[in-house]
C-alpha atoms as a PDB file:
ATOM      1  CA  MET A   1      -4.705   2.647  14.181  1.00  0.00           C
ATOM      2  CA  MET A   2      -6.681  -0.411  13.834  1.00  0.00           C
ATOM      3  CA  GLY A   3      -6.678  -3.290  16.293  1.00  0.00           C
ATOM      4  CA  ARG A   4      -6.968  -6.874  15.290  1.00  0.00           C
ATOM      5  CA  GLY A   5     -10.348  -7.739  14.141  1.00  0.00           C
ATOM      6  CA  ASP A   6     -11.675  -4.103  14.651  1.00  0.00           C
ATOM      7  CA  ARG A   7     -11.767  -2.037  11.608  1.00  0.00           C
ATOM      8  CA  HIS A   8     -13.545   1.132  10.587  1.00  0.00           C
ATOM      9  CA  ARG A   9     -13.989   1.661   6.857  1.00  0.00           C
ATOM     10  CA  ARG A  10     -14.919   4.780   4.816  1.00  0.00           C
ATOM     11  CA  ARG A  11     -16.764   4.051   1.654  1.00  0.00           C
ATOM     12  CA  ILE A  12     -16.706   6.984  -0.587  1.00  0.00           C
ATOM     13  CA  PRO A  13     -18.230   7.449  -4.015  1.00  0.00           C
ATOM     14  CA  HIS A  14     -16.247   9.452  -6.488  1.00  0.00           C
ATOM     15  CA  PRO A  15     -16.001  12.955  -4.912  1.00  0.00           C
ATOM     16  CA  ASP A  16     -13.968  15.875  -6.255  1.00  0.00           C
ATOM     17  CA  ARG A  17     -10.199  16.148  -5.110  1.00  0.00           C
ATOM     18  CA  ALA A  18     -10.854  18.592  -2.124  1.00  0.00           C
ATOM     19  CA  ILE A  19     -13.689  16.543  -0.594  1.00  0.00           C
ATOM     20  CA  TRP A  20     -11.821  13.302  -0.984  1.00  0.00           C
ATOM     21  CA  MET A  21      -8.654  14.527   0.617  1.00  0.00           C
ATOM     22  CA  ALA A  22     -10.672  15.826   3.546  1.00  0.00           C
ATOM     23  CA  LEU A  23     -12.207  12.546   4.032  1.00  0.00           C
ATOM     24  CA  LEU A  24      -9.111  10.676   3.607  1.00  0.00           C
ATOM     25  CA  ALA A  25      -7.306  12.792   6.415  1.00  0.00           C
ATOM     26  CA  LEU A  26     -10.227  11.913   8.686  1.00  0.00           C
ATOM     27  CA  ALA A  27      -9.972   8.135   7.791  1.00  0.00           C
ATOM     28  CA  LEU A  28      -6.218   7.785   7.823  1.00  0.00           C
ATOM     29  CA  GLY A  29      -4.964  10.720   9.724  1.00  0.00           C
ATOM     30  CA  GLY A  30      -7.256  11.658  12.211  1.00  0.00           C
ATOM     31  CA  ILE A  31      -6.007   8.897  14.642  1.00  0.00           C
ATOM     32  CA  GLY A  32      -4.686  10.052  18.072  1.00  0.00           C
ATOM     33  CA  ALA A  33      -1.106   9.334  18.042  1.00  0.00           C
ATOM     34  CA  SER A  34      -1.297   8.855  21.981  1.00  0.00           C
ATOM     35  CA  CYS A  35      -3.680   5.970  21.567  1.00  0.00           C
ATOM     36  CA  ALA A  36      -1.664   2.695  21.619  1.00  0.00           C
ATOM     37  CA  LEU A  37      -3.141  -0.295  19.679  1.00  0.00           C
ATOM     38  CA  ALA A  38      -6.132   2.090  18.637  1.00  0.00           C
ATOM     39  CA  LYS A  39      -8.422   1.253  15.846  1.00  0.00           C
ATOM     40  CA  ARG A  40      -6.556   1.159  12.362  1.00  0.00           C
ATOM     41  CA  ARG A  41      -8.479   2.776   9.598  1.00  0.00           C
ATOM     42  CA  ASN A  42      -8.591   2.464   5.888  1.00  0.00           C
ATOM     43  CA  ALA A  43     -10.063   4.520   3.050  1.00  0.00           C
ATOM     44  CA  VAL A  44     -12.061   2.755   0.182  1.00  0.00           C
ATOM     45  CA  LEU A  45     -12.965   4.125  -3.135  1.00  0.00           C
ATOM     46  CA  GLU A  46     -15.411   1.725  -4.653  1.00  0.00           C
ATOM     47  CA  GLY A  47     -14.904   0.382  -8.153  1.00  0.00           C
ATOM     48  CA  ASP A  48     -15.286  -2.796 -10.369  1.00  0.00           C
ATOM     49  CA  ILE A  49     -11.720  -3.557  -9.782  1.00  0.00           C
ATOM     50  CA  LEU A  50     -10.130  -2.825  -6.469  1.00  0.00           C
ATOM     51  CA  ILE A  51      -6.524  -1.942  -6.201  1.00  0.00           C
ATOM     52  CA  GLY A  52      -4.803  -2.130  -2.673  1.00  0.00           C
ATOM     53  CA  ALA A  53      -2.442   0.485  -1.536  1.00  0.00           C
ATOM     54  CA  LEU A  54       0.013   0.765   1.299  1.00  0.00           C
ATOM     55  CA  PHE A  55       1.486   4.349   1.830  1.00  0.00           C
ATOM     56  CA  PRO A  56       3.299   5.613   5.026  1.00  0.00           C
ATOM     57  CA  VAL A  57       0.713   8.125   6.106  1.00  0.00           C
ATOM     58  CA  HIS A  58       2.371   8.153   9.663  1.00  0.00           C
ATOM     59  CA  ARG A  59       5.971   7.776  10.407  1.00  0.00           C
ATOM     60  CA  GLN A  60       7.366   4.512  12.018  1.00  0.00           C
ATOM     61  CA  PRO A  61       6.978   4.057  15.714  1.00  0.00           C
ATOM     62  CA  SER A  62       9.507   5.288  17.986  1.00  0.00           C
ATOM     63  CA  LEU A  63      11.810   2.741  19.941  1.00  0.00           C
ATOM     64  CA  LYS A  64       9.730   3.204  22.924  1.00  0.00           C
ATOM     65  CA  THR A  65       6.304   2.389  21.234  1.00  0.00           C
ATOM     66  CA  ALA A  66       7.524   0.013  18.609  1.00  0.00           C
ATOM     67  CA  TYR A  67       6.073  -3.111  20.617  1.00  0.00           C
ATOM     68  CA  THR A  68       2.659  -1.453  20.544  1.00  0.00           C
ATOM     69  CA  ARG A  69       2.770  -0.853  16.917  1.00  0.00           C
ATOM     70  CA  GLN A  70       1.878   2.714  17.647  1.00  0.00           C
ATOM     71  CA  CYS A  71       2.639   4.854  14.516  1.00  0.00           C
ATOM     72  CA  GLY A  72       4.377   8.167  14.730  1.00  0.00           C
ATOM     73  CA  GLU A  73       3.433  11.604  13.380  1.00  0.00           C
ATOM     74  CA  ILE A  74       1.667  12.101  10.025  1.00  0.00           C
ATOM     75  CA  TRP A  75       4.331  12.097   7.328  1.00  0.00           C
ATOM     76  CA  GLU A  76       2.605  14.668   4.931  1.00  0.00           C
ATOM     77  CA  GLN A  77       5.442  15.145   2.494  1.00  0.00           C
ATOM     78  CA  TYR A  78       6.328  11.591   1.683  1.00  0.00           C
ATOM     79  CA  GLY A  79       2.957   9.736   2.430  1.00  0.00           C
ATOM     80  CA  MET A  80       0.179  12.079   1.745  1.00  0.00           C
ATOM     81  CA  HIS A  81       1.646  13.412  -1.409  1.00  0.00           C
ATOM     82  CA  ARG A  82       1.903  10.064  -2.733  1.00  0.00           C
ATOM     83  CA  ILE A  83      -1.669   9.346  -2.027  1.00  0.00           C
ATOM     84  CA  GLU A  84      -2.689  12.516  -3.878  1.00  0.00           C
ATOM     85  CA  VAL A  85      -0.774  11.236  -6.970  1.00  0.00           C
ATOM     86  CA  PHE A  86      -2.274   7.730  -6.750  1.00  0.00           C
ATOM     87  CA  LEU A  87      -5.970   9.097  -6.530  1.00  0.00           C
ATOM     88  CA  LYS A  88      -5.253  11.624  -9.350  1.00  0.00           C
ATOM     89  CA  THR A  89      -3.925   8.780 -11.572  1.00  0.00           C
ATOM     90  CA  LEU A  90      -6.924   6.854 -10.695  1.00  0.00           C
ATOM     91  CA  ASP A  91      -9.190   9.557 -11.551  1.00  0.00           C
ATOM     92  CA  GLU A  92      -7.505  10.192 -14.977  1.00  0.00           C
ATOM     93  CA  ILE A  93      -7.661   6.466 -15.829  1.00  0.00           C
ATOM     94  CA  ASN A  94     -11.535   6.282 -14.931  1.00  0.00           C
ATOM     95  CA  SER A  95     -12.161   9.489 -16.899  1.00  0.00           C
ATOM     96  CA  ASP A  96     -10.745   8.191 -20.072  1.00  0.00           C
ATOM     97  CA  PRO A  97     -13.115   5.707 -21.769  1.00  0.00           C
ATOM     98  CA  SER A  98     -10.288   4.579 -24.156  1.00  0.00           C
ATOM     99  CA  ILE A  99      -8.340   2.963 -21.242  1.00  0.00           C
ATOM    100  CA  LEU A 100     -10.705   0.683 -19.440  1.00  0.00           C
ATOM    101  CA  PRO A 101     -14.280   1.123 -21.198  1.00  0.00           C
ATOM    102  CA  ASN A 102     -17.087   0.308 -18.910  1.00  0.00           C
ATOM    103  CA  ILE A 103     -14.697  -0.454 -16.021  1.00  0.00           C
ATOM    104  CA  THR A 104     -13.990   1.678 -12.895  1.00  0.00           C
ATOM    105  CA  LEU A 105     -10.920   1.266 -10.814  1.00  0.00           C
ATOM    106  CA  GLY A 106     -11.484   1.390  -7.054  1.00  0.00           C
ATOM    107  CA  CYS A 107      -8.801   1.476  -4.132  1.00  0.00           C
ATOM    108  CA  ASP A 108      -8.314   0.415  -0.643  1.00  0.00           C
ATOM    109  CA  ILE A 109      -5.920   2.626   0.860  1.00  0.00           C
ATOM    110  CA  ARG A 110      -3.993   1.709   4.215  1.00  0.00           C
ATOM    111  CA  ASP A 111      -1.216   2.987   6.322  1.00  0.00           C
ATOM    112  CA  SER A 112       1.979   1.131   6.432  1.00  0.00           C
ATOM    113  CA  CYS A 113       3.611   3.431   8.805  1.00  0.00           C
ATOM    114  CA  TRP A 114       7.049   2.521   7.174  1.00  0.00           C
ATOM    115  CA  TYR A 115       7.087  -0.327   9.737  1.00  0.00           C
ATOM    116  CA  PRO A 116       6.976  -4.170   8.883  1.00  0.00           C
ATOM    117  CA  PRO A 117       4.725  -5.267  11.428  1.00  0.00           C
ATOM    118  CA  VAL A 118       1.898  -2.617  10.494  1.00  0.00           C
ATOM    119  CA  ALA A 119       2.435  -3.524   6.817  1.00  0.00           C
ATOM    120  CA  LEU A 120       2.103  -7.116   7.430  1.00  0.00           C
ATOM    121  CA  GLU A 121      -0.947  -6.615   9.513  1.00  0.00           C
ATOM    122  CA  GLN A 122      -2.589  -4.671   6.624  1.00  0.00           C
ATOM    123  CA  SER A 123      -1.473  -7.165   3.955  1.00  0.00           C
ATOM    124  CA  ILE A 124      -3.098 -10.051   6.251  1.00  0.00           C
ATOM    125  CA  ASP A 125      -6.154  -8.193   6.210  1.00  0.00           C
ATOM    126  CA  PHE A 126      -6.060  -7.885   2.340  1.00  0.00           C
ATOM    127  CA  ILE A 127      -5.565 -11.650   2.115  1.00  0.00           C
ATOM    128  CA  LYS A 128      -8.379 -12.327   4.544  1.00  0.00           C
ATOM    129  CA  ASN A 129     -10.716 -10.610   2.374  1.00  0.00           C
ATOM    130  CA  SER A 130      -9.425 -12.460  -0.634  1.00  0.00           C
ATOM    131  CA  ILE A 131      -9.974 -15.822   0.910  1.00  0.00           C
ATOM    132  CA  ALA A 132     -13.388 -14.764   2.241  1.00  0.00           C
ATOM    133  CA  SER A 133     -14.499 -13.551  -1.282  1.00  0.00           C
ATOM    134  CA  ARG A 134     -13.251 -16.959  -2.878  1.00  0.00           C
ATOM    135  CA  GLU A 135     -15.252 -18.833  -0.414  1.00  0.00           C
ATOM    136  CA  ARG A 136     -18.333 -16.772  -0.907  1.00  0.00           C
ATOM    137  CA  SER A 137     -18.116 -17.388  -4.666  1.00  0.00           C
ATOM    138  CA  LEU A 138     -17.886 -21.103  -4.217  1.00  0.00           C
ATOM    139  CA  ASN A 139     -20.995 -20.993  -1.878  1.00  0.00           C
ATOM    140  CA  ARG A 140     -24.104 -20.739  -4.188  1.00  0.00           C
ATOM    141  CA  SER A 141     -26.204 -19.506  -1.220  1.00  0.00           C
ATOM    142  CA  GLY A 142     -24.140 -16.332  -1.504  1.00  0.00           C
ATOM    143  CA  GLN A 143     -24.930 -13.618   1.147  1.00  0.00           C
ATOM    144  CA  ALA A 144     -27.295 -15.962   2.985  1.00  0.00           C
ATOM    145  CA  SER A 145     -24.500 -18.032   4.189  1.00  0.00           C
ATOM    146  CA  ARG A 146     -22.992 -15.204   6.279  1.00  0.00           C
ATOM    147  CA  GLN A 147     -23.695 -15.590   9.942  1.00  0.00           C
ATOM    148  CA  PRO A 148     -25.849 -12.893  11.336  1.00  0.00           C
ATOM    149  CA  GLY A 149     -23.741 -10.101  13.194  1.00  0.00           C
ATOM    150  CA  SER A 150     -20.658 -11.248  11.234  1.00  0.00           C
ATOM    151  CA  PRO A 151     -18.677  -8.434   9.447  1.00  0.00           C
ATOM    152  CA  PRO A 152     -19.558  -7.987   5.767  1.00  0.00           C
ATOM    153  CA  ILE A 153     -17.213  -9.605   3.268  1.00  0.00           C
ATOM    154  CA  ASN A 154     -15.158  -6.879   1.499  1.00  0.00           C
ATOM    155  CA  LYS A 155     -14.004  -7.249  -2.279  1.00  0.00           C
ATOM    156  CA  PRO A 156     -10.625  -8.593  -2.944  1.00  0.00           C
ATOM    157  CA  ILE A 157      -7.801  -6.607  -4.200  1.00  0.00           C
ATOM    158  CA  ALA A 158      -6.512  -7.415  -7.800  1.00  0.00           C
ATOM    159  CA  GLY A 159      -3.081  -6.139  -6.765  1.00  0.00           C
ATOM    160  CA  LEU A 160      -1.174  -4.009  -4.234  1.00  0.00           C
ATOM    161  CA  ILE A 161       0.745  -1.006  -4.742  1.00  0.00           C
ATOM    162  CA  GLY A 162       3.505  -0.249  -2.316  1.00  0.00           C
ATOM    163  CA  PRO A 163       4.854  -0.102   0.344  1.00  0.00           C
ATOM    164  CA  GLY A 164       7.660   2.310   0.053  1.00  0.00           C
ATOM    165  CA  SER A 165      10.666   0.788   1.885  1.00  0.00           C
ATOM    166  CA  SER A 166      12.590  -2.078   0.335  1.00  0.00           C
ATOM    167  CA  THR A 167      12.882  -3.864   3.661  1.00  0.00           C
ATOM    168  CA  VAL A 168       9.065  -3.570   4.230  1.00  0.00           C
ATOM    169  CA  THR A 169       8.279  -4.525   0.629  1.00  0.00           C
ATOM    170  CA  ILE A 170      10.262  -7.708   0.698  1.00  0.00           C
ATOM    171  CA  GLN A 171       8.434  -8.927   3.707  1.00  0.00           C
ATOM    172  CA  VAL A 172       5.073  -8.004   2.324  1.00  0.00           C
ATOM    173  CA  GLN A 173       5.896  -9.826  -1.009  1.00  0.00           C
ATOM    174  CA  ASN A 174       6.925 -12.956   0.828  1.00  0.00           C
ATOM    175  CA  LEU A 175       3.613 -12.925   2.200  1.00  0.00           C
ATOM    176  CA  LEU A 176       1.352 -11.943  -0.892  1.00  0.00           C
ATOM    177  CA  SER A 177       3.320 -14.417  -3.151  1.00  0.00           C
ATOM    178  CA  LEU A 178       1.768 -17.361  -1.080  1.00  0.00           C
ATOM    179  CA  PHE A 179      -1.654 -16.086  -2.466  1.00  0.00           C
ATOM    180  CA  ASN A 180      -0.670 -15.214  -5.877  1.00  0.00           C
ATOM    181  CA  ILE A 181      -1.411 -11.522  -5.363  1.00  0.00           C
ATOM    182  CA  PRO A 182       0.581  -9.179  -7.554  1.00  0.00           C
ATOM    183  CA  GLN A 183       2.423  -6.231  -6.071  1.00  0.00           C
ATOM    184  CA  VAL A 184       3.988  -3.196  -7.613  1.00  0.00           C
ATOM    185  CA  GLY A 185       6.642  -1.172  -5.817  1.00  0.00           C
ATOM    186  CA  TYR A 186       6.961   2.616  -6.290  1.00  0.00           C
ATOM    187  CA  SER A 187      10.148   3.447  -4.456  1.00  0.00           C
ATOM    188  CA  ALA A 188      11.548  -0.100  -3.407  1.00  0.00           C
ATOM    189  CA  THR A 189      14.972  -0.187  -4.900  1.00  0.00           C
ATOM    190  CA  SER A 190      16.646  -3.216  -3.456  1.00  0.00           C
ATOM    191  CA  LYS A 191      18.386  -5.357  -6.158  1.00  0.00           C
ATOM    192  CA  ASP A 192      17.036  -8.591  -4.465  1.00  0.00           C
ATOM    193  CA  LEU A 193      13.685  -7.706  -5.733  1.00  0.00           C
ATOM    194  CA  SER A 194      14.875  -8.273  -9.188  1.00  0.00           C
ATOM    195  CA  ASP A 195      15.176 -12.158  -8.543  1.00  0.00           C
ATOM    196  CA  LYS A 196      12.239 -13.395 -10.133  1.00  0.00           C
ATOM    197  CA  SER A 197      12.794 -16.926  -8.662  1.00  0.00           C
ATOM    198  CA  LEU A 198      12.077 -15.500  -5.254  1.00  0.00           C
ATOM    199  CA  TYR A 199       9.785 -12.481  -6.135  1.00  0.00           C
ATOM    200  CA  LYS A 200       7.832 -13.754  -9.196  1.00  0.00           C
ATOM    201  CA  TYR A 201       4.686 -11.528  -8.246  1.00  0.00           C
ATOM    202  CA  PHE A 202       6.594  -8.312  -7.743  1.00  0.00           C
ATOM    203  CA  LEU A 203       7.060  -5.561 -10.332  1.00  0.00           C
ATOM    204  CA  ARG A 204       8.314  -1.902  -9.850  1.00  0.00           C
ATOM    205  CA  VAL A 205       8.572   1.448 -11.548  1.00  0.00           C
ATOM    206  CA  VAL A 206      11.893   2.391 -10.291  1.00  0.00           C
ATOM    207  CA  PRO A 207      15.221   0.940 -11.275  1.00  0.00           C
ATOM    208  CA  SER A 208      17.248  -1.198  -8.594  1.00  0.00           C
ATOM    209  CA  ASP A 209      20.152   0.101  -6.789  1.00  0.00           C
ATOM    210  CA  LYS A 210      22.392  -2.014  -8.756  1.00  0.00           C
ATOM    211  CA  LEU A 211      21.503  -0.085 -11.941  1.00  0.00           C
ATOM    212  CA  GLN A 212      21.662   3.234 -10.174  1.00  0.00           C
ATOM    213  CA  ALA A 213      25.205   2.357  -8.883  1.00  0.00           C
ATOM    214  CA  LYS A 214      26.161   1.411 -12.486  1.00  0.00           C
ATOM    215  CA  ALA A 215      24.780   4.582 -13.916  1.00  0.00           C
ATOM    216  CA  LEU A 216      26.864   6.727 -11.512  1.00  0.00           C
ATOM    217  CA  VAL A 217      30.085   4.861 -12.323  1.00  0.00           C
ATOM    218  CA  ASP A 218      29.337   5.331 -16.106  1.00  0.00           C
ATOM    219  CA  LEU A 219      28.794   9.035 -15.451  1.00  0.00           C
ATOM    220  CA  VAL A 220      32.252   9.326 -13.529  1.00  0.00           C
ATOM    221  CA  MET A 221      34.044   7.509 -16.341  1.00  0.00           C
ATOM    222  CA  TYR A 222      32.309   9.464 -19.306  1.00  0.00           C
ATOM    223  CA  PHE A 223      33.496  12.741 -17.676  1.00  0.00           C
ATOM    224  CA  ASN A 224      36.914  11.228 -16.786  1.00  0.00           C
ATOM    225  CA  TRP A 225      36.424  12.465 -13.272  1.00  0.00           C
ATOM    226  CA  THR A 226      39.405  11.610 -10.750  1.00  0.00           C
ATOM    227  CA  TYR A 227      37.870  12.844  -7.650  1.00  0.00           C
ATOM    228  CA  ILE A 228      34.275  12.567  -6.309  1.00  0.00           C
ATOM    229  CA  SER A 229      32.305  12.741  -2.933  1.00  0.00           C
ATOM    230  CA  THR A 230      29.429  10.672  -2.212  1.00  0.00           C
ATOM    231  CA  VAL A 231      26.598  11.073   0.395  1.00  0.00           C
ATOM    232  CA  TYR A 232      24.866   8.087   1.684  1.00  0.00           C
ATOM    233  CA  THR A 233      21.553   7.993   3.508  1.00  0.00           C
ATOM    234  CA  GLU A 234      20.259   4.957   5.245  1.00  0.00           C
ATOM    235  CA  GLY A 235      16.542   4.041   4.453  1.00  0.00           C
END
């Protein structure tokens, strides 16, 4: 985990998939779960355009450790698998010159822990990079204006992918929209996020709960079923 103002970054050239996943595991997953308020880490793949990503590499904190923002165990099936798909997609786009000729997409992947305080902490860090980059672009002296010993100014993200939970996504969107940063949800299904008057910088690649419920009703009516059973899971 990463404490306030204390961050370790892994800057990685385009490696093959096996090397990348090994480094990613070290950067994001190799953090002792017993260390409260430890250093939170991220994994960076350089590119002309940087895309931010929030994935639940770890499970959310337990009730006993929630106040410390100490994440739980590694969430391999839900978190790490989605990172693999994300990286594979980036690689395919960068390898196809017909999609973005002479432009390479990079990414800054961070752990949301499926927990609002952690996701907001990471989002604030994205925003700080964006503000610092804008200030640097307005200052003609550029790098020379940075005070000796201060941390380097990181490239701002063009947009954010994630997080997964609708509850966490709404809180992150409320923050990102203040700075006009686009957000794309990959599994947030709350119908509230369809309200463009509130979430004008949010897009998603999954249907809302409202559409899914309507599809289920249409299915029941089409087959003229008179008795059904439903299973509901929270989260």
